[in-house]
Every structure is written in C-alpha cells, then in structure tokens.
Amino acid sequence: MAKPYTTKNLDDRALAIQSLFKNLSYIEAFEVSARSTALLSDEDFNIGPLPARYVAEDSGHLKTFAESFPENQGWVSEDLLYSLRTVMRSGRPAMAELAHLLVVEPAVQAIAETLASKPVPHQSLLKKTG
C-alpha cells in the first residue's frame, strides 16, 4: 500500500532510498509481465529483437529487489502504479517495451548517476542491490 508523501518521508534518506528501490521493483514486475506477454504474442514490434533472456534478466532483478527490502518499507508512487496498470490493460505489450526503452532505461541511468559520485551504467545500480 502506498504511503502518503510527508515532509518527514521526504527528509528521511533511508526511506527515500528504500522507496526508490520499491518503485523500481514495481517497474521490474511490470517489465516481466509485459515482456512475457510480448513473447507469447504474434505482434511485430519493429523496435528490435525481444529475446527471452530479457525476461530472465528482469526476473533476476525483481528477485534481488524482493530479497533486499521488506515489503512494508518505502512508499510507492500512485502515478507509477496507475501508469503501469493502464499499459498492461491496454493489451499492447509493444507499448510496454517502448516505454521501457524511452522512459525506464534513461530514468534508471539518471538515478544511478545521482546516487553515485560519478556516472555509472544502470546495470551497476541493479547489481549493487544484491
């Protein structure tokens, strides 16, 4: 359940980091579901190959997030949940993959650079959680 934004929540660095990773775990869950649906569909994506290994990688990231943070820690953006549910209900997995390429990848890269003293690839951020 999402916690409301409060000044206390936003000033608590530990809670902010937990919340960041909790939101990323929801994104990973969404990607696993969307990519699994895409692999089972006959839709032509025209945005590049969608190998099954991407689903396996996303599943691995999701497992790492789930093991790293207890369920009751951190808040989740209601806007994020609404957006993820809307895309999943649209029945268009290609849109989920496009959103991943255009929104999720750059966002995780920006988060990694913000948390690090120097720019690092987003894959390093995901590896640091394990």
C-alpha atoms as a PDB file:
ATOM      1  CA  MET A   1       0.000   0.000   0.000  1.00  0.00           C
ATOM      2  CA  ALA A   2       1.336   3.413  -0.897  1.00  0.00           C
ATOM      3  CA  LYS A   3       2.272   5.765   1.911  1.00  0.00           C
ATOM      4  CA  PRO A   4       1.343   9.441   1.607  1.00  0.00           C
ATOM      5  CA  TYR A   5       4.070  11.960   0.908  1.00  0.00           C
ATOM      6  CA  THR A   6       5.043  13.918   4.004  1.00  0.00           C
ATOM      7  CA  THR A   7       7.933  16.197   4.861  1.00  0.00           C
ATOM      8  CA  LYS A   8       9.212  13.536   7.240  1.00  0.00           C
ATOM      9  CA  ASN A   9       9.125  10.904   4.500  1.00  0.00           C
ATOM     10  CA  LEU A  10      10.987  13.112   2.050  1.00  0.00           C
ATOM     11  CA  ASP A  11      13.661  14.107   4.595  1.00  0.00           C
ATOM     12  CA  ASP A  12      14.428  10.515   5.599  1.00  0.00           C
ATOM     13  CA  ARG A  13      17.267   9.423   3.281  1.00  0.00           C
ATOM     14  CA  ALA A  14      16.946   5.746   4.198  1.00  0.00           C
ATOM     15  CA  LEU A  15      13.215   5.788   3.475  1.00  0.00           C
ATOM     16  CA  ALA A  16      13.840   7.656   0.222  1.00  0.00           C
ATOM     17  CA  ILE A  17      16.318   5.007  -0.946  1.00  0.00           C
ATOM     18  CA  GLN A  18      14.005   2.174   0.132  1.00  0.00           C
ATOM     19  CA  SER A  19      11.155   3.864  -1.710  1.00  0.00           C
ATOM     20  CA  LEU A  20      13.283   4.299  -4.831  1.00  0.00           C
ATOM     21  CA  PHE A  21      14.082   0.609  -4.943  1.00  0.00           C
ATOM     22  CA  LYS A  22      10.497  -0.334  -4.116  1.00  0.00           C
ATOM     23  CA  ASN A  23       9.284   1.708  -7.092  1.00  0.00           C
ATOM     24  CA  LEU A  24      11.958   0.082  -9.265  1.00  0.00           C
ATOM     25  CA  SER A  25      10.747  -3.339  -8.127  1.00  0.00           C
ATOM     26  CA  TYR A  26       7.244  -2.487  -9.356  1.00  0.00           C
ATOM     27  CA  ILE A  27       8.746  -1.443 -12.695  1.00  0.00           C
ATOM     28  CA  GLU A  28      10.650  -4.735 -12.903  1.00  0.00           C
ATOM     29  CA  ALA A  29       7.475  -6.708 -12.119  1.00  0.00           C
ATOM     30  CA  PHE A  30       5.697  -4.784 -14.860  1.00  0.00           C
ATOM     31  CA  GLU A  31       8.508  -5.478 -17.331  1.00  0.00           C
ATOM     32  CA  VAL A  32       8.497  -9.193 -16.573  1.00  0.00           C
ATOM     33  CA  SER A  33       4.757  -9.343 -17.152  1.00  0.00           C
ATOM     34  CA  ALA A  34       4.807  -7.158 -20.270  1.00  0.00           C
ATOM     35  CA  ARG A  35       7.744  -8.936 -21.878  1.00  0.00           C
ATOM     36  CA  SER A  36       6.289 -12.348 -21.107  1.00  0.00           C
ATOM     37  CA  THR A  37       3.062 -11.260 -22.793  1.00  0.00           C
ATOM     38  CA  ALA A  38       5.033  -9.893 -25.742  1.00  0.00           C
ATOM     39  CA  LEU A  39       6.921 -13.149 -26.197  1.00  0.00           C
ATOM     40  CA  LEU A  40       3.637 -15.051 -26.315  1.00  0.00           C
ATOM     41  CA  SER A  41       2.023 -12.688 -28.817  1.00  0.00           C
ATOM     42  CA  ASP A  42       2.321 -12.645 -32.581  1.00  0.00           C
ATOM     43  CA  GLU A  43       2.715  -8.871 -32.648  1.00  0.00           C
ATOM     44  CA  ASP A  44       5.566  -7.493 -34.764  1.00  0.00           C
ATOM     45  CA  PHE A  45       7.423  -4.911 -32.688  1.00  0.00           C
ATOM     46  CA  ASN A  46       9.707  -3.288 -35.262  1.00  0.00           C
ATOM     47  CA  ILE A  47      11.798  -1.923 -32.375  1.00  0.00           C
ATOM     48  CA  GLY A  48      14.402  -4.638 -32.248  1.00  0.00           C
ATOM     49  CA  PRO A  49      14.597  -8.218 -31.070  1.00  0.00           C
ATOM     50  CA  LEU A  50      12.966  -9.264 -27.811  1.00  0.00           C
ATOM     51  CA  PRO A  51      14.935 -12.281 -26.658  1.00  0.00           C
ATOM     52  CA  ALA A  52      13.630 -14.463 -23.846  1.00  0.00           C
ATOM     53  CA  ARG A  53      16.798 -13.662 -21.900  1.00  0.00           C
ATOM     54  CA  TYR A  54      15.414 -10.160 -21.210  1.00  0.00           C
ATOM     55  CA  VAL A  55      12.550 -11.746 -19.285  1.00  0.00           C
ATOM     56  CA  ALA A  56      15.038 -13.850 -17.343  1.00  0.00           C
ATOM     57  CA  GLU A  57      17.192 -10.788 -16.571  1.00  0.00           C
ATOM     58  CA  ASP A  58      14.175  -8.764 -15.424  1.00  0.00           C
ATOM     59  CA  SER A  59      13.062 -11.691 -13.260  1.00  0.00           C
ATOM     60  CA  GLY A  60      16.509 -11.796 -11.673  1.00  0.00           C
ATOM     61  CA  HIS A  61      16.382  -8.069 -10.918  1.00  0.00           C
ATOM     62  CA  LEU A  62      12.917  -8.456  -9.410  1.00  0.00           C
ATOM     63  CA  LYS A  63      14.103 -11.305  -7.180  1.00  0.00           C
ATOM     64  CA  THR A  64      17.035  -9.173  -5.989  1.00  0.00           C
ATOM     65  CA  PHE A  65      14.747  -6.266  -5.139  1.00  0.00           C
ATOM     66  CA  ALA A  66      12.301  -8.543  -3.313  1.00  0.00           C
ATOM     67  CA  GLU A  67      15.063 -10.078  -1.211  1.00  0.00           C
ATOM     68  CA  SER A  68      16.741  -6.741  -0.462  1.00  0.00           C
ATOM     69  CA  PHE A  69      13.834  -4.803   1.004  1.00  0.00           C
ATOM     70  CA  PRO A  70      10.974  -5.932   3.253  1.00  0.00           C
ATOM     71  CA  GLU A  71       7.516  -5.346   1.790  1.00  0.00           C
ATOM     72  CA  ASN A  72       6.495  -2.775   4.389  1.00  0.00           C
ATOM     73  CA  GLN A  73       9.396  -0.376   3.793  1.00  0.00           C
ATOM     74  CA  GLY A  74       9.149   2.619   1.490  1.00  0.00           C
ATOM     75  CA  TRP A  75       6.287   4.213  -0.393  1.00  0.00           C
ATOM     76  CA  VAL A  76       5.159   3.590  -3.951  1.00  0.00           C
ATOM     77  CA  SER A  77       4.054   6.278  -6.377  1.00  0.00           C
ATOM     78  CA  GLU A  78       0.336   6.009  -7.118  1.00  0.00           C
ATOM     79  CA  ASP A  79       1.013   7.624 -10.512  1.00  0.00           C
ATOM     80  CA  LEU A  80       3.524   4.900 -11.314  1.00  0.00           C
ATOM     81  CA  LEU A  81       1.093   2.141 -10.370  1.00  0.00           C
ATOM     82  CA  TYR A  82      -1.700   3.741 -12.389  1.00  0.00           C
ATOM     83  CA  SER A  83       0.549   4.087 -15.452  1.00  0.00           C
ATOM     84  CA  LEU A  84       1.803   0.508 -15.253  1.00  0.00           C
ATOM     85  CA  ARG A  85      -1.716  -0.888 -14.854  1.00  0.00           C
ATOM     86  CA  THR A  86      -3.017   1.221 -17.737  1.00  0.00           C
ATOM     87  CA  VAL A  87      -0.376  -0.071 -20.146  1.00  0.00           C
ATOM     88  CA  MET A  88      -0.941  -3.675 -19.051  1.00  0.00           C
ATOM     89  CA  ARG A  89      -4.700  -3.364 -19.537  1.00  0.00           C
ATOM     90  CA  SER A  90      -4.208  -1.860 -22.984  1.00  0.00           C
ATOM     91  CA  GLY A  91      -3.245  -5.293 -24.294  1.00  0.00           C
ATOM     92  CA  ARG A  92      -0.383  -3.761 -26.262  1.00  0.00           C
ATOM     93  CA  PRO A  93       2.873  -5.239 -24.966  1.00  0.00           C
ATOM     94  CA  ALA A  94       4.834  -3.353 -27.629  1.00  0.00           C
ATOM     95  CA  MET A  95       3.911  -0.131 -25.850  1.00  0.00           C
ATOM     96  CA  ALA A  96       5.378  -1.532 -22.635  1.00  0.00           C
ATOM     97  CA  GLU A  97       8.640  -2.350 -24.382  1.00  0.00           C
ATOM     98  CA  LEU A  98       8.757   1.087 -25.983  1.00  0.00           C
ATOM     99  CA  ALA A  99       8.113   2.713 -22.586  1.00  0.00           C
ATOM    100  CA  HIS A 100      10.960   0.656 -21.167  1.00  0.00           C
ATOM    101  CA  LEU A 101      13.358   1.877 -23.845  1.00  0.00           C
ATOM    102  CA  LEU A 102      12.292   5.533 -23.716  1.00  0.00           C
ATOM    103  CA  VAL A 103      11.460   6.055 -20.030  1.00  0.00           C
ATOM    104  CA  VAL A 104      12.749   3.332 -17.722  1.00  0.00           C
ATOM    105  CA  GLU A 105      16.287   2.968 -19.066  1.00  0.00           C
ATOM    106  CA  PRO A 106      17.059   6.727 -19.015  1.00  0.00           C
ATOM    107  CA  ALA A 107      15.405   7.103 -15.583  1.00  0.00           C
ATOM    108  CA  VAL A 108      17.456   4.317 -14.013  1.00  0.00           C
ATOM    109  CA  GLN A 109      20.594   5.788 -15.590  1.00  0.00           C
ATOM    110  CA  ALA A 110      19.803   9.199 -14.064  1.00  0.00           C
ATOM    111  CA  ILE A 111      19.121   7.634 -10.656  1.00  0.00           C
ATOM    112  CA  ALA A 112      22.403   5.733 -10.774  1.00  0.00           C
ATOM    113  CA  GLU A 113      24.316   8.895 -11.648  1.00  0.00           C
ATOM    114  CA  THR A 114      22.580  10.807  -8.853  1.00  0.00           C
ATOM    115  CA  LEU A 115      23.380   8.169  -6.225  1.00  0.00           C
ATOM    116  CA  ALA A 116      26.968   7.714  -7.374  1.00  0.00           C
ATOM    117  CA  SER A 117      29.826  10.150  -7.097  1.00  0.00           C
ATOM    118  CA  LYS A 118      30.440   9.625 -10.804  1.00  0.00           C
ATOM    119  CA  PRO A 119      28.299   8.339 -13.690  1.00  0.00           C
ATOM    120  CA  VAL A 120      27.871   4.562 -13.724  1.00  0.00           C
ATOM    121  CA  PRO A 121      25.928   2.295 -16.059  1.00  0.00           C
ATOM    122  CA  HIS A 122      22.421   1.495 -14.804  1.00  0.00           C
ATOM    123  CA  GLN A 123      23.316  -2.200 -14.744  1.00  0.00           C
ATOM    124  CA  SER A 124      25.718  -1.412 -11.899  1.00  0.00           C
ATOM    125  CA  LEU A 125      22.877   0.080  -9.864  1.00  0.00           C
ATOM    126  CA  LEU A 126      20.883  -3.109 -10.258  1.00  0.00           C
ATOM    127  CA  LYS A 127      23.891  -5.259  -9.295  1.00  0.00           C
ATOM    128  CA  LYS A 128      24.545  -3.188  -6.156  1.00  0.00           C
ATOM    129  CA  THR A 129      21.190  -4.238  -4.698  1.00  0.00           C
ATOM    130  CA  GLY A 130      22.196  -7.893  -4.481  1.00  0.00           C
END
